[in-house]
Amino acid sequence: MGGSSSSGWSPTVPSNPCERINIRANINSPQAEALQELELNNILTVSLQQTPQISIIVSSDSHIIGSLTGPSITQLINCIENGHQYSATVVDLDGGSCVVLVEAI
């Protein structure tokens, strides 16, 4: 009797690149009043704004904080247009600048 089976459990990795998004991005043109209310680890809403030009905005309690910038924003726009949802966690606050980590919900 020789033989064995290897039916062990293997962790699964999301196959869709939109589900693996993990982007550090700067908030561009932050709204000063809204930015002052932010703290590290705050969770912000990520959404698509169509006008005046297509962009990704982050908001807190329906108050727009600003838009996201960075090299991966085009991919993020495509994923949101295809129905994926994301949140942004505040990871760095320094005066008038803010960096967030964007991840799939």
C-alpha atoms as a PDB file:
ATOM      1  CA  MET A   1       0.000   0.000   0.000  1.00  0.00           C
ATOM      2  CA  GLY A   2       1.764   3.009  -1.119  1.00  0.00           C
ATOM      3  CA  GLY A   3       0.330   6.303  -2.043  1.00  0.00           C
ATOM      4  CA  SER A   4      -0.933   9.408  -0.513  1.00  0.00           C
ATOM      5  CA  SER A   5      -3.074  12.267  -1.524  1.00  0.00           C
ATOM      6  CA  SER A   6      -2.256  15.881  -1.069  1.00  0.00           C
ATOM      7  CA  SER A   7      -5.657  17.360  -0.511  1.00  0.00           C
ATOM      8  CA  GLY A   8      -4.481  19.915   2.011  1.00  0.00           C
ATOM      9  CA  TRP A   9      -5.999  23.372   2.236  1.00  0.00           C
ATOM     10  CA  SER A  10      -4.381  26.139   0.260  1.00  0.00           C
ATOM     11  CA  PRO A  11      -5.201  29.788   0.855  1.00  0.00           C
ATOM     12  CA  THR A  12      -6.876  31.453  -2.074  1.00  0.00           C
ATOM     13  CA  VAL A  13      -5.742  34.707  -3.594  1.00  0.00           C
ATOM     14  CA  PRO A  14      -8.350  36.828  -5.365  1.00  0.00           C
ATOM     15  CA  SER A  15      -8.023  36.195  -9.089  1.00  0.00           C
ATOM     16  CA  ASN A  16      -9.436  39.566 -10.107  1.00  0.00           C
ATOM     17  CA  PRO A  17      -6.807  42.335  -9.993  1.00  0.00           C
ATOM     18  CA  CYS A  18      -9.513  44.760  -8.803  1.00  0.00           C
ATOM     19  CA  GLU A  19      -9.884  42.699  -5.632  1.00  0.00           C
ATOM     20  CA  ARG A  20      -6.143  42.899  -4.925  1.00  0.00           C
ATOM     21  CA  ILE A  21      -5.809  46.686  -5.129  1.00  0.00           C
ATOM     22  CA  ASN A  22      -3.699  48.068  -2.327  1.00  0.00           C
ATOM     23  CA  ILE A  23      -2.682  51.615  -3.274  1.00  0.00           C
ATOM     24  CA  ARG A  24      -0.998  54.356  -1.253  1.00  0.00           C
ATOM     25  CA  ALA A  25      -2.154  57.652  -2.721  1.00  0.00           C
ATOM     26  CA  ASN A  26      -1.935  61.332  -1.929  1.00  0.00           C
ATOM     27  CA  ILE A  27      -5.073  63.384  -1.537  1.00  0.00           C
ATOM     28  CA  ASN A  28      -4.845  66.182  -4.078  1.00  0.00           C
ATOM     29  CA  SER A  29      -6.356  69.614  -3.375  1.00  0.00           C
ATOM     30  CA  PRO A  30      -7.568  68.676   0.116  1.00  0.00           C
ATOM     31  CA  GLN A  31     -10.331  70.779   1.608  1.00  0.00           C
ATOM     32  CA  ALA A  32      -8.691  72.477   4.612  1.00  0.00           C
ATOM     33  CA  GLU A  33     -11.709  72.304   6.954  1.00  0.00           C
ATOM     34  CA  ALA A  34     -12.416  68.644   6.202  1.00  0.00           C
ATOM     35  CA  LEU A  35      -8.713  67.753   6.447  1.00  0.00           C
ATOM     36  CA  GLN A  36      -8.483  69.277   9.936  1.00  0.00           C
ATOM     37  CA  GLU A  37     -11.109  66.830  11.189  1.00  0.00           C
ATOM     38  CA  LEU A  38      -9.198  63.741  10.003  1.00  0.00           C
ATOM     39  CA  GLU A  39      -7.148  61.485  12.234  1.00  0.00           C
ATOM     40  CA  LEU A  40      -4.848  58.562  11.478  1.00  0.00           C
ATOM     41  CA  ASN A  41      -6.741  55.334  10.709  1.00  0.00           C
ATOM     42  CA  ASN A  42      -9.967  57.147   9.751  1.00  0.00           C
ATOM     43  CA  ILE A  43     -11.820  55.197   7.054  1.00  0.00           C
ATOM     44  CA  LEU A  44     -12.938  57.322   4.111  1.00  0.00           C
ATOM     45  CA  THR A  45     -15.369  56.642   1.296  1.00  0.00           C
ATOM     46  CA  VAL A  46     -13.899  56.278  -2.200  1.00  0.00           C
ATOM     47  CA  SER A  47     -16.114  57.210  -5.145  1.00  0.00           C
ATOM     48  CA  LEU A  48     -16.022  58.218  -8.774  1.00  0.00           C
ATOM     49  CA  GLN A  49     -16.727  61.793  -9.796  1.00  0.00           C
ATOM     50  CA  GLN A  50     -17.706  62.237 -13.450  1.00  0.00           C
ATOM     51  CA  THR A  51     -17.595  66.035 -13.842  1.00  0.00           C
ATOM     52  CA  PRO A  52     -15.875  68.326 -14.618  1.00  0.00           C
ATOM     53  CA  GLN A  53     -13.457  65.489 -15.395  1.00  0.00           C
ATOM     54  CA  ILE A  54     -13.423  61.893 -14.229  1.00  0.00           C
ATOM     55  CA  SER A  55     -11.579  61.517 -10.931  1.00  0.00           C
ATOM     56  CA  ILE A  56     -11.539  59.540  -7.699  1.00  0.00           C
ATOM     57  CA  ILE A  57     -12.690  61.466  -4.652  1.00  0.00           C
ATOM     58  CA  VAL A  58     -12.493  60.581  -0.977  1.00  0.00           C
ATOM     59  CA  SER A  59     -15.028  61.790   1.527  1.00  0.00           C
ATOM     60  CA  SER A  60     -15.954  61.551   5.173  1.00  0.00           C
ATOM     61  CA  ASP A  61     -19.552  61.874   6.330  1.00  0.00           C
ATOM     62  CA  SER A  62     -20.555  63.215   2.881  1.00  0.00           C
ATOM     63  CA  HIS A  63     -17.886  65.935   3.028  1.00  0.00           C
ATOM     64  CA  ILE A  64     -15.432  65.736   0.150  1.00  0.00           C
ATOM     65  CA  ILE A  65     -11.848  65.672   1.422  1.00  0.00           C
ATOM     66  CA  GLY A  66     -10.177  65.803  -2.017  1.00  0.00           C
ATOM     67  CA  SER A  67      -9.230  63.690  -5.017  1.00  0.00           C
ATOM     68  CA  LEU A  68      -6.658  60.914  -5.290  1.00  0.00           C
ATOM     69  CA  THR A  69      -3.513  61.151  -7.371  1.00  0.00           C
ATOM     70  CA  GLY A  70      -0.897  58.607  -8.311  1.00  0.00           C
ATOM     71  CA  PRO A  71       0.135  56.146 -11.006  1.00  0.00           C
ATOM     72  CA  SER A  72      -2.538  53.526 -10.173  1.00  0.00           C
ATOM     73  CA  ILE A  73      -5.553  55.849 -10.331  1.00  0.00           C
ATOM     74  CA  THR A  74      -6.463  54.806 -13.899  1.00  0.00           C
ATOM     75  CA  GLN A  75      -6.724  51.161 -12.792  1.00  0.00           C
ATOM     76  CA  LEU A  76      -8.810  52.218  -9.778  1.00  0.00           C
ATOM     77  CA  ILE A  77     -11.183  54.201 -12.029  1.00  0.00           C
ATOM     78  CA  ASN A  78     -11.633  51.171 -14.303  1.00  0.00           C
ATOM     79  CA  CYS A  79     -12.358  48.899 -11.331  1.00  0.00           C
ATOM     80  CA  ILE A  80     -14.943  51.289  -9.847  1.00  0.00           C
ATOM     81  CA  GLU A  81     -16.596  51.603 -13.265  1.00  0.00           C
ATOM     82  CA  ASN A  82     -16.862  47.788 -13.248  1.00  0.00           C
ATOM     83  CA  GLY A  83     -18.707  47.737  -9.913  1.00  0.00           C
ATOM     84  CA  HIS A  84     -15.919  47.273  -7.359  1.00  0.00           C
ATOM     85  CA  GLN A  85     -16.004  49.256  -4.116  1.00  0.00           C
ATOM     86  CA  TYR A  86     -13.110  50.625  -2.081  1.00  0.00           C
ATOM     87  CA  SER A  87     -12.330  52.399   1.151  1.00  0.00           C
ATOM     88  CA  ALA A  88      -9.359  54.614   2.005  1.00  0.00           C
ATOM     89  CA  THR A  89      -7.618  54.519   5.378  1.00  0.00           C
ATOM     90  CA  VAL A  90      -5.710  57.623   6.477  1.00  0.00           C
ATOM     91  CA  VAL A  91      -2.087  56.510   6.972  1.00  0.00           C
ATOM     92  CA  ASP A  92      -0.224  59.832   7.061  1.00  0.00           C
ATOM     93  CA  LEU A  93      -1.211  63.373   8.003  1.00  0.00           C
ATOM     94  CA  ASP A  94       1.360  66.129   7.786  1.00  0.00           C
ATOM     95  CA  GLY A  95       0.096  69.688   7.865  1.00  0.00           C
ATOM     96  CA  GLY A  96      -1.899  70.181   4.671  1.00  0.00           C
ATOM     97  CA  SER A  97      -1.081  66.813   3.150  1.00  0.00           C
ATOM     98  CA  CYS A  98      -2.748  63.454   3.609  1.00  0.00           C
ATOM     99  CA  VAL A  99      -1.842  59.959   2.364  1.00  0.00           C
ATOM    100  CA  VAL A 100      -4.379  57.122   2.287  1.00  0.00           C
ATOM    101  CA  LEU A 101      -4.266  53.381   1.686  1.00  0.00           C
ATOM    102  CA  VAL A 102      -6.981  52.306  -0.761  1.00  0.00           C
ATOM    103  CA  GLU A 103      -8.260  48.720  -0.500  1.00  0.00           C
ATOM    104  CA  ALA A 104     -11.228  46.722  -1.771  1.00  0.00           C
ATOM    105  CA  ILE A 105     -14.223  46.465   0.546  1.00  0.00           C
END
